[in-house]
């Protein structure tokens, strides 16, 4: 199952550092000559595909506003959030906008990053020492040389997948047990389909591993769908391949490891073709599309507003107050990235530099109890936190079908995937 690939890395000169002498003040924040940091503020911008992740920027601002209101940042500083920059899901645009944010806008950090197209930009921010936090859906979060890039769930798409989480398979196992199937997912057949890009290819390997670890029989596993922004003209060939993958019959479970546009194309196409098994994917938790996703099992790497935990309810209230009425994955991910950034700043203290931020973040544990994490660094450079939840749309709202929980990691020994503890098992 292993494969190797060389990531495209664009070498760019390090950004200039803003210099200047700040007057001392007994009541002002600590002096700093770091790019984007003054005695009163820290300049930050978000980055990602606005068509899918615009709410991440709004949610990050809500968390930063809360930090500013409650004077959470050491030295009396406030976070100056200049907005969420659109990379149009294009690697070249992503790199160009990243360079502009650093060299022209002079940001201290980029939070949140919500893009699978961050590889070249990842090398740039690392060379420029720009603290960068987001959702680890790009392999840049898994490059051991990118010491300034951190995911609130760690590295999610390593290539090859050395330490995939056993989460999705275990949640499906719990789902079937909750449905009264005493053997859980053991013996269930599954088809796995992904987008034809680096993240998709790695995703197939990860889901094969977790499915097999809980005793499922994988009958189809392909990174077959054209990756966005390329359109899919006809989903019929992919539907046919899945519907006949189980010795001419449909499988019990389909894992859609694909971008939102392909989920909302292939999912309904499977339903129209008569698929009666379990449709599970990682993007269908989207309250605005609850009618379209009726009956689907949405895998999230964190709890959702349906959770009864007091921590989740407080986050939901904060985001709704910020104008995000239907809180989905983008909004939650943006909030978590911003919250992690704030928590690290608090631990760094008044004397803020990129180097000191990196030193703290590289040994940081991020968690909101019952909601997200724990994510441990430095293990997070190599592995994602093996935590998650399943929820199902009934056509208008969602209900939790497998509660948020954390499980083991997997690693390959010989030709067999075995479980190892997180984070101690990460070497």
Protein backbone atom coordinates (compact mmCIF):
# COMPACT_ATOMS: atom_id res chain seq x y z
CA UNK A 1 0.00 0.00 0.00
CA UNK A 2 2.97 2.30 0.43
CA UNK A 3 3.95 4.84 -2.20
CA UNK A 4 6.38 7.70 -2.33
CA UNK A 5 6.04 11.08 -3.96
CA UNK A 6 8.09 14.25 -4.20
CA UNK A 7 6.24 17.39 -3.17
CA UNK A 8 6.61 20.49 -5.26
CA UNK A 9 8.58 22.99 -3.19
CA UNK A 10 9.19 26.51 -4.43
CA UNK A 11 12.23 28.16 -2.92
CA UNK A 12 11.53 31.78 -2.09
CA UNK A 13 13.69 34.29 -0.25
CA UNK A 14 12.69 34.91 3.37
CA UNK A 15 10.39 37.85 3.99
CA UNK A 16 11.81 41.12 5.29
CA UNK A 17 11.30 41.74 8.99
CA UNK A 18 9.67 44.96 10.09
CA UNK A 19 12.22 46.93 12.08
CA UNK A 20 11.77 49.82 14.43
CA UNK A 21 12.32 51.07 17.90
CA UNK A 22 9.23 51.25 20.10
CA UNK A 23 9.02 53.62 23.03
CA UNK A 24 8.83 51.96 26.39
CA UNK A 25 5.64 52.29 28.36
CA UNK A 26 4.77 51.02 31.79
CA UNK A 27 1.19 50.19 30.81
CA UNK A 28 1.76 49.12 27.20
CA UNK A 29 2.55 45.63 25.96
CA UNK A 30 6.07 44.29 25.60
CA UNK A 31 8.31 45.82 22.95
CA UNK A 32 8.97 43.76 19.83
CA UNK A 33 10.76 44.00 16.50
CA UNK A 34 9.10 40.84 15.13
CA UNK A 35 7.22 41.13 11.86
CA UNK A 36 3.55 41.88 12.49
CA UNK A 37 3.99 42.47 16.23
CA UNK A 38 3.78 45.86 17.93
CA UNK A 39 3.50 46.74 21.57
CA UNK A 40 -0.28 46.66 21.20
CA UNK A 41 -1.18 44.23 18.41
CA UNK A 42 -0.44 40.99 16.54
CA UNK A 43 -1.32 41.00 12.83
CA UNK A 44 -2.92 37.80 11.50
CA UNK A 45 -4.69 36.70 8.31
CA UNK A 46 -6.54 33.57 7.27
CA UNK A 47 -6.13 31.70 3.98
CA UNK A 48 -8.13 29.13 2.02
CA UNK A 49 -10.80 28.46 -0.58
CA UNK A 50 -13.58 30.91 0.25
CA UNK A 51 -16.22 28.97 -1.70
CA UNK A 52 -15.94 26.15 0.85
CA UNK A 53 -14.28 27.67 3.91
CA UNK A 54 -15.37 31.30 4.22
CA UNK A 55 -17.03 30.57 7.55
CA UNK A 56 -13.66 29.49 8.92
CA UNK A 57 -12.51 33.09 8.66
CA UNK A 58 -15.64 34.38 10.40
CA UNK A 59 -15.22 31.82 13.17
CA UNK A 60 -11.55 32.65 13.65
CA UNK A 61 -12.44 36.32 13.97
CA UNK A 62 -15.09 35.44 16.55
CA UNK A 63 -12.48 33.62 18.66
CA UNK A 64 -9.96 36.45 18.25
CA UNK A 65 -12.61 39.02 19.17
CA UNK A 66 -13.35 37.01 22.31
CA UNK A 67 -9.67 36.92 23.19
CA UNK A 68 -9.41 40.68 22.68
CA UNK A 69 -12.51 41.34 24.76
CA UNK A 70 -11.29 39.18 27.63
CA UNK A 71 -7.70 40.48 27.48
CA UNK A 72 -6.35 36.97 26.97
CA UNK A 73 -3.20 37.93 25.08
CA UNK A 74 -0.10 38.60 27.23
CA UNK A 75 1.28 42.12 27.32
CA UNK A 76 -2.12 43.68 26.70
CA UNK A 77 -1.89 43.02 22.95
CA UNK A 78 -4.91 42.59 20.69
CA UNK A 79 -5.10 40.36 17.64
CA UNK A 80 -5.47 42.44 14.48
CA UNK A 81 -7.24 40.00 12.16
CA UNK A 82 -7.21 41.38 8.61
CA UNK A 83 -9.53 38.79 7.05
CA UNK A 84 -9.68 35.50 5.17
CA UNK A 85 -7.80 35.47 1.86
CA UNK A 86 -9.19 33.39 -1.02
CA UNK A 87 -6.76 31.00 -2.72
CA UNK A 88 -9.44 29.78 -5.18
CA UNK A 89 -8.35 26.17 -4.52
CA UNK A 90 -5.30 26.78 -6.71
CA UNK A 91 -1.74 26.05 -5.60
CA UNK A 92 -0.21 28.94 -7.55
CA UNK A 93 -2.74 31.40 -6.13
CA UNK A 94 -2.21 29.98 -2.67
CA UNK A 95 1.55 30.60 -2.90
CA UNK A 96 1.13 34.08 -4.39
CA UNK A 97 -1.34 35.14 -1.69
CA UNK A 98 0.84 33.68 1.04
CA UNK A 99 3.84 35.65 -0.22
CA UNK A 100 1.73 38.82 -0.35
CA UNK A 101 0.45 38.36 3.20
CA UNK A 102 3.97 37.97 4.52
CA UNK A 103 5.98 40.42 2.41
CA UNK A 104 3.38 43.15 1.87
CA UNK A 105 0.89 42.82 4.71
CA UNK A 106 3.66 41.81 7.13
CA UNK A 107 1.53 39.37 9.10
CA UNK A 108 2.98 37.60 12.12
CA UNK A 109 0.88 34.50 11.53
CA UNK A 110 -1.56 32.88 9.09
CA UNK A 111 -4.60 31.51 10.94
CA UNK A 112 -6.59 29.60 9.86
CA UNK A 113 -5.16 27.86 6.81
CA UNK A 114 -7.96 25.86 5.20
CA UNK A 115 -6.59 24.48 1.95
CA UNK A 116 -5.25 21.22 0.49
CA UNK A 117 -3.12 23.34 -1.89
CA UNK A 118 -0.62 24.62 0.66
CA UNK A 119 2.47 22.57 -0.25
CA UNK A 120 4.64 25.24 -1.90
CA UNK A 121 3.33 27.95 0.41
CA UNK A 122 4.16 25.71 3.34
CA UNK A 123 7.83 25.73 2.40
CA UNK A 124 7.70 29.51 2.08
CA UNK A 125 6.14 30.20 5.48
CA UNK A 126 8.59 27.82 7.09
CA UNK A 127 11.58 29.59 5.52
CA UNK A 128 10.06 32.94 6.51
CA UNK A 129 9.32 31.76 10.07
CA UNK A 130 5.60 32.54 9.90
CA UNK A 131 3.57 30.71 12.57
CA UNK A 132 0.79 28.98 10.63
CA UNK A 133 -2.14 27.10 12.14
CA UNK A 134 -5.09 25.41 10.49
CA UNK A 135 -6.76 22.17 9.54
CA UNK A 136 -4.08 19.68 8.51
CA UNK A 137 -5.71 18.71 5.19
CA UNK A 138 -2.54 19.55 3.22
CA UNK A 139 0.61 17.44 3.19
CA UNK A 140 2.49 20.62 4.19
CA UNK A 141 1.29 19.91 7.73
CA UNK A 142 3.09 16.56 7.52
CA UNK A 143 6.47 17.68 6.16
CA UNK A 144 9.00 17.17 8.95
CA UNK A 145 10.95 20.23 7.75
CA UNK A 146 7.94 22.56 8.16
CA UNK A 147 8.49 23.42 11.81
CA UNK A 148 6.25 26.53 11.77
CA UNK A 149 3.07 24.78 10.56
CA UNK A 150 0.65 23.27 13.08
CA UNK A 151 -2.74 21.59 12.75
CA UNK A 152 -5.31 21.58 15.53
CA UNK A 153 -5.76 17.89 14.69
CA UNK A 154 -2.13 17.40 13.67
CA UNK A 155 -0.95 15.88 10.39
CA UNK A 156 -3.93 14.31 8.59
CA UNK A 157 -2.56 13.37 5.15
CA UNK A 158 0.98 11.99 5.55
CA UNK A 159 2.45 10.44 2.42
CA UNK A 160 3.03 7.58 2.93
CA UNK A 161 0.52 7.14 5.80
CA UNK A 162 2.93 5.98 8.49
CA UNK A 163 0.57 6.51 11.45
CA UNK A 164 -3.04 6.72 10.24
CA UNK A 165 -5.70 7.00 12.89
CA UNK A 166 -7.94 4.03 13.53
CA UNK A 167 -10.79 6.49 14.12
CA UNK A 168 -13.21 6.19 11.19
CA UNK A 169 -13.23 2.40 11.30
CA UNK A 170 -13.76 2.37 15.05
CA UNK A 171 -16.61 4.86 14.75
CA UNK A 172 -18.26 2.69 12.09
CA UNK A 173 -17.78 -0.26 14.42
CA UNK A 174 -19.53 1.69 17.18
CA UNK A 175 -22.24 2.80 14.75
CA UNK A 176 -23.19 -0.78 13.87
CA UNK A 177 -23.17 -1.79 17.52
CA UNK A 178 -25.48 1.12 18.29
CA UNK A 179 -27.76 -0.24 15.55
CA UNK A 180 -27.96 -3.57 17.37
CA UNK A 181 -25.32 -5.46 15.38
CA UNK A 182 -23.37 -7.26 18.12
CA UNK A 183 -20.38 -7.95 15.87
CA UNK A 184 -20.14 -4.29 14.87
CA UNK A 185 -18.41 -3.64 11.54
CA UNK A 186 -16.65 -7.01 11.43
CA UNK A 187 -17.37 -8.77 8.13
CA UNK A 188 -19.06 -5.75 6.52
CA UNK A 189 -17.97 -5.05 2.94
CA UNK A 190 -16.82 -1.57 2.00
CA UNK A 191 -15.97 0.49 -1.07
CA UNK A 192 -13.61 3.46 -0.72
CA UNK A 193 -13.36 6.19 -3.35
CA UNK A 194 -11.30 9.38 -3.30
CA UNK A 195 -10.26 12.31 -5.48
CA UNK A 196 -7.32 11.71 -7.79
CA UNK A 197 -4.76 13.94 -6.04
CA UNK A 198 -2.07 13.44 -3.40
CA UNK A 199 -4.49 13.90 -0.51
CA UNK A 200 -6.97 11.52 -2.08
CA UNK A 201 -4.41 8.80 -2.73
CA UNK A 202 -3.17 9.01 0.83
CA UNK A 203 -6.75 9.08 2.09
CA UNK A 204 -7.54 5.80 0.35
CA UNK A 205 -4.62 4.10 2.10
CA UNK A 206 -5.65 5.49 5.48
CA UNK A 207 -9.27 4.37 5.18
CA UNK A 208 -8.28 0.92 3.90
CA UNK A 209 -6.10 0.55 6.99
CA UNK A 210 -8.76 1.60 9.50
CA UNK A 211 -11.50 -0.45 7.79
CA UNK A 212 -9.39 -3.59 7.79
CA UNK A 213 -8.33 -2.98 11.40
CA UNK A 214 -11.94 -3.41 12.57
CA UNK A 215 -12.52 -6.47 10.39
CA UNK A 216 -14.20 -4.92 7.35
CA UNK A 217 -13.66 -6.44 3.90
CA UNK A 218 -12.46 -3.84 1.38
CA UNK A 219 -13.91 -4.67 -2.06
CA UNK A 220 -13.01 -1.42 -3.84
CA UNK A 221 -10.40 1.26 -3.10
CA UNK A 222 -9.55 3.84 -5.76
CA UNK A 223 -8.54 7.51 -5.96
CA UNK A 224 -10.64 7.77 -9.10
CA UNK A 225 -12.62 11.03 -9.15
CA UNK A 226 -11.23 14.15 -10.88
CA UNK A 227 -10.11 16.54 -8.15
CA UNK A 228 -11.59 20.06 -7.98
CA UNK A 229 -11.58 22.48 -9.63
CA UNK A 230 -11.87 19.94 -12.49
CA UNK A 231 -15.59 19.13 -12.96
CA UNK A 232 -17.04 15.63 -13.09
CA UNK A 233 -19.25 15.45 -16.16
CA UNK A 234 -20.84 12.11 -15.35
CA UNK A 235 -20.83 10.21 -12.06
CA UNK A 236 -22.38 7.10 -13.63
CA UNK A 237 -19.11 5.17 -14.20
CA UNK A 238 -18.08 5.64 -10.57
CA UNK A 239 -21.53 4.67 -9.32
CA UNK A 240 -21.43 1.53 -11.47
CA UNK A 241 -18.01 0.55 -10.16
CA UNK A 242 -19.15 0.93 -6.55
CA UNK A 243 -22.56 -0.74 -6.99
CA UNK A 244 -20.98 -3.88 -8.47
CA UNK A 245 -17.83 -3.98 -6.33
CA UNK A 246 -19.07 -6.69 -3.97
CA UNK A 247 -18.99 -9.61 -6.42
CA UNK A 248 -21.55 -7.85 -8.60
CA UNK A 249 -23.54 -6.50 -5.66
CA UNK A 250 -23.40 -3.28 -3.70
CA UNK A 251 -21.19 -3.06 -0.59
CA UNK A 252 -22.46 -2.54 2.93
CA UNK A 253 -20.56 0.72 3.40
CA UNK A 254 -19.19 3.40 1.08
CA UNK A 255 -16.49 5.78 2.29
CA UNK A 256 -16.41 8.96 0.19
CA UNK A 257 -12.98 10.50 0.76
CA UNK A 258 -13.63 13.38 -1.63
CA UNK A 259 -14.04 17.15 -1.83
CA UNK A 260 -17.46 18.69 -1.08
CA UNK A 261 -18.39 19.18 -4.74
CA UNK A 262 -17.83 15.48 -5.42
CA UNK A 263 -19.62 14.39 -2.25
CA UNK A 264 -22.69 16.37 -3.28
CA UNK A 265 -22.50 14.88 -6.77
CA UNK A 266 -21.65 11.25 -6.09
CA UNK A 267 -23.75 10.90 -2.94
CA UNK A 268 -27.12 11.63 -4.58
CA UNK A 269 -26.07 9.63 -7.64
CA UNK A 270 -25.56 6.57 -5.43
CA UNK A 271 -28.96 7.10 -3.81
CA UNK A 272 -30.64 7.40 -7.21
CA UNK A 273 -28.94 4.18 -8.28
CA UNK A 274 -30.55 2.36 -5.36
CA UNK A 275 -27.71 2.21 -2.85
CA UNK A 276 -29.19 1.10 0.47
CA UNK A 277 -26.06 0.69 2.57
CA UNK A 278 -24.23 3.18 4.77
CA UNK A 279 -22.95 6.28 2.96
CA UNK A 280 -20.26 7.93 5.08
CA UNK A 281 -18.03 10.87 4.24
CA UNK A 282 -16.03 13.60 5.94
CA UNK A 283 -17.76 16.71 4.56
CA UNK A 284 -21.49 16.02 4.77
CA UNK A 285 -21.89 17.64 8.16
CA UNK A 286 -23.33 20.80 6.64
CA UNK A 287 -26.58 22.05 8.21
CA UNK A 288 -27.42 24.10 5.11
CA UNK A 289 -27.50 20.87 3.08
CA UNK A 290 -29.25 18.64 5.61
CA UNK A 291 -32.03 17.77 3.15
CA UNK A 292 -29.55 16.67 0.48
CA UNK A 293 -27.54 14.55 2.92
CA UNK A 294 -30.50 12.75 4.49
CA UNK A 295 -29.44 9.36 5.84
CA UNK A 296 -25.70 9.92 5.33
CA UNK A 297 -23.20 9.33 8.14
CA UNK A 298 -20.97 12.39 8.50
CA UNK A 299 -17.54 11.77 9.98
CA UNK A 300 -16.06 14.76 11.78
CA UNK A 301 -12.74 14.91 13.60
CA UNK A 302 -14.40 16.83 16.40
CA UNK A 303 -17.75 17.15 18.11
CA UNK A 304 -20.58 19.12 16.48
CA UNK A 305 -23.29 21.36 17.97
CA UNK A 306 -25.55 18.31 18.49
CA UNK A 307 -23.18 17.26 21.26
CA UNK A 308 -24.64 17.88 24.72
CA UNK A 309 -21.30 18.87 26.28
CA UNK A 310 -21.23 22.30 27.89
CA UNK A 311 -17.98 23.09 26.06
CA UNK A 312 -19.56 22.51 22.65
CA UNK A 313 -22.64 24.50 23.52
CA UNK A 314 -20.54 27.51 24.53
CA UNK A 315 -18.63 27.39 21.23
CA UNK A 316 -21.90 27.12 19.31
CA UNK A 317 -23.27 30.19 21.09
CA UNK A 318 -20.11 32.17 20.30
CA UNK A 319 -20.28 31.32 16.60
CA UNK A 320 -23.99 32.00 16.31
CA UNK A 321 -23.50 35.37 17.97
CA UNK A 322 -20.91 36.10 15.26
CA UNK A 323 -23.52 35.54 12.56
CA UNK A 324 -22.85 31.87 11.76
CA UNK A 325 -26.34 30.52 12.29
CA UNK A 326 -25.76 27.05 10.82
CA UNK A 327 -22.46 25.99 12.34
CA UNK A 328 -20.68 23.46 10.13
CA UNK A 329 -17.22 21.97 9.83
CA UNK A 330 -15.54 25.05 8.28
CA UNK A 331 -16.73 27.28 11.11
CA UNK A 332 -15.68 24.82 13.79
CA UNK A 333 -12.29 24.24 12.18
CA UNK A 334 -11.65 27.97 11.96
CA UNK A 335 -12.58 28.39 15.61
CA UNK A 336 -10.28 25.57 16.76
CA UNK A 337 -7.30 26.88 14.77
CA UNK A 338 -7.78 30.35 16.25
CA UNK A 339 -8.27 28.95 19.74
CA UNK A 340 -5.06 26.92 19.47
CA UNK A 341 -3.22 30.05 18.33
CA UNK A 342 -4.52 31.99 21.33
CA UNK A 343 -3.61 29.22 23.76
CA UNK A 344 -0.05 29.08 22.42
CA UNK A 345 0.29 32.88 22.62
CA UNK A 346 -0.76 32.74 26.26
CA UNK A 347 1.96 30.22 27.00
CA UNK A 348 4.63 32.16 25.07
CA UNK A 349 4.08 35.29 27.13
CA UNK A 350 4.84 38.95 26.47
CA UNK A 351 8.19 38.49 24.69
CA UNK A 352 6.72 37.28 21.39
CA UNK A 353 8.87 36.25 18.44
CA UNK A 354 8.27 33.64 15.73
CA UNK A 355 11.07 31.52 17.20
CA UNK A 356 9.60 31.56 20.70
CA UNK A 357 6.13 30.79 19.35
CA UNK A 358 7.54 27.82 17.41
CA UNK A 359 9.41 26.49 20.44
CA UNK A 360 6.22 26.44 22.52
CA UNK A 361 3.99 25.08 19.74
CA UNK A 362 6.42 22.25 18.95
CA UNK A 363 5.79 20.78 22.42
CA UNK A 364 2.17 21.80 22.82
CA UNK A 365 -0.93 19.79 23.71
CA UNK A 366 -4.15 21.20 22.28
CA UNK A 367 -7.55 20.08 23.50
CA UNK A 368 -11.04 21.29 24.30
CA UNK A 369 -12.51 18.64 26.56
CA UNK A 370 -15.30 16.57 24.91
CA UNK A 371 -14.95 18.57 21.69
CA UNK A 372 -11.56 18.28 19.96
CA UNK A 373 -8.21 16.62 20.61
CA UNK A 374 -6.02 16.02 22.43
CA UNK A 375 -3.46 16.78 19.75
CA UNK A 376 0.13 16.42 20.88
CA UNK A 377 3.24 17.96 19.37
CA UNK A 378 5.84 16.92 18.26
CA UNK A 379 3.78 13.80 17.43
CA UNK A 380 1.48 16.11 15.45
CA UNK A 381 4.16 16.62 12.81
CA UNK A 382 3.78 12.94 11.86
CA UNK A 383 0.28 11.91 12.90
CA UNK A 384 -3.21 13.27 13.38
CA UNK A 385 -5.11 12.98 16.63
CA UNK A 386 -7.19 9.79 16.28
CA UNK A 387 -10.47 11.35 17.45
CA UNK A 388 -13.88 11.83 15.87
CA UNK A 389 -17.66 11.55 15.81
CA UNK A 390 -20.40 10.29 13.48
CA UNK A 391 -23.71 12.08 12.97
CA UNK A 392 -26.66 11.51 10.64
CA UNK A 393 -28.95 13.94 8.87
CA UNK A 394 -32.68 13.25 9.09
CA UNK A 395 -33.37 15.77 6.35
CA UNK A 396 -33.55 18.86 8.55
CA UNK A 397 -31.28 18.34 11.57
CA UNK A 398 -28.52 15.99 12.69
CA UNK A 399 -28.26 13.44 15.47
CA UNK A 400 -25.09 11.89 16.85
CA UNK A 401 -24.84 8.20 15.90
CA UNK A 402 -21.39 7.51 17.36
CA UNK A 403 -20.23 9.80 20.16
CA UNK A 404 -16.98 11.76 20.00
CA UNK A 405 -14.11 9.54 21.08
CA UNK A 406 -10.38 8.98 20.64
CA UNK A 407 -8.75 5.74 19.56
CA UNK A 408 -5.39 4.24 18.64
CA UNK A 409 -3.14 4.90 15.69
CA UNK A 410 -2.16 2.29 13.13
CA UNK A 411 1.25 1.45 11.78
CA UNK A 412 2.37 -1.14 9.27
CA UNK A 413 4.58 -3.99 10.39
CA UNK A 414 5.45 -6.37 7.61
CA UNK A 415 2.28 -6.61 5.57
CA UNK A 416 -0.07 -6.05 8.47
CA UNK A 417 -1.52 -2.93 10.10
CA UNK A 418 -1.26 -2.99 13.88
CA UNK A 419 -2.46 -0.55 16.52
CA UNK A 420 -0.12 1.68 18.49
CA UNK A 421 -1.00 4.17 21.26
CA UNK A 422 -1.18 7.90 20.60
CA UNK A 423 1.05 9.83 21.09
CA UNK A 424 3.59 7.42 22.57
CA UNK A 425 3.52 5.11 19.56
CA UNK A 426 4.74 7.85 17.20
CA UNK A 427 8.49 7.44 16.67
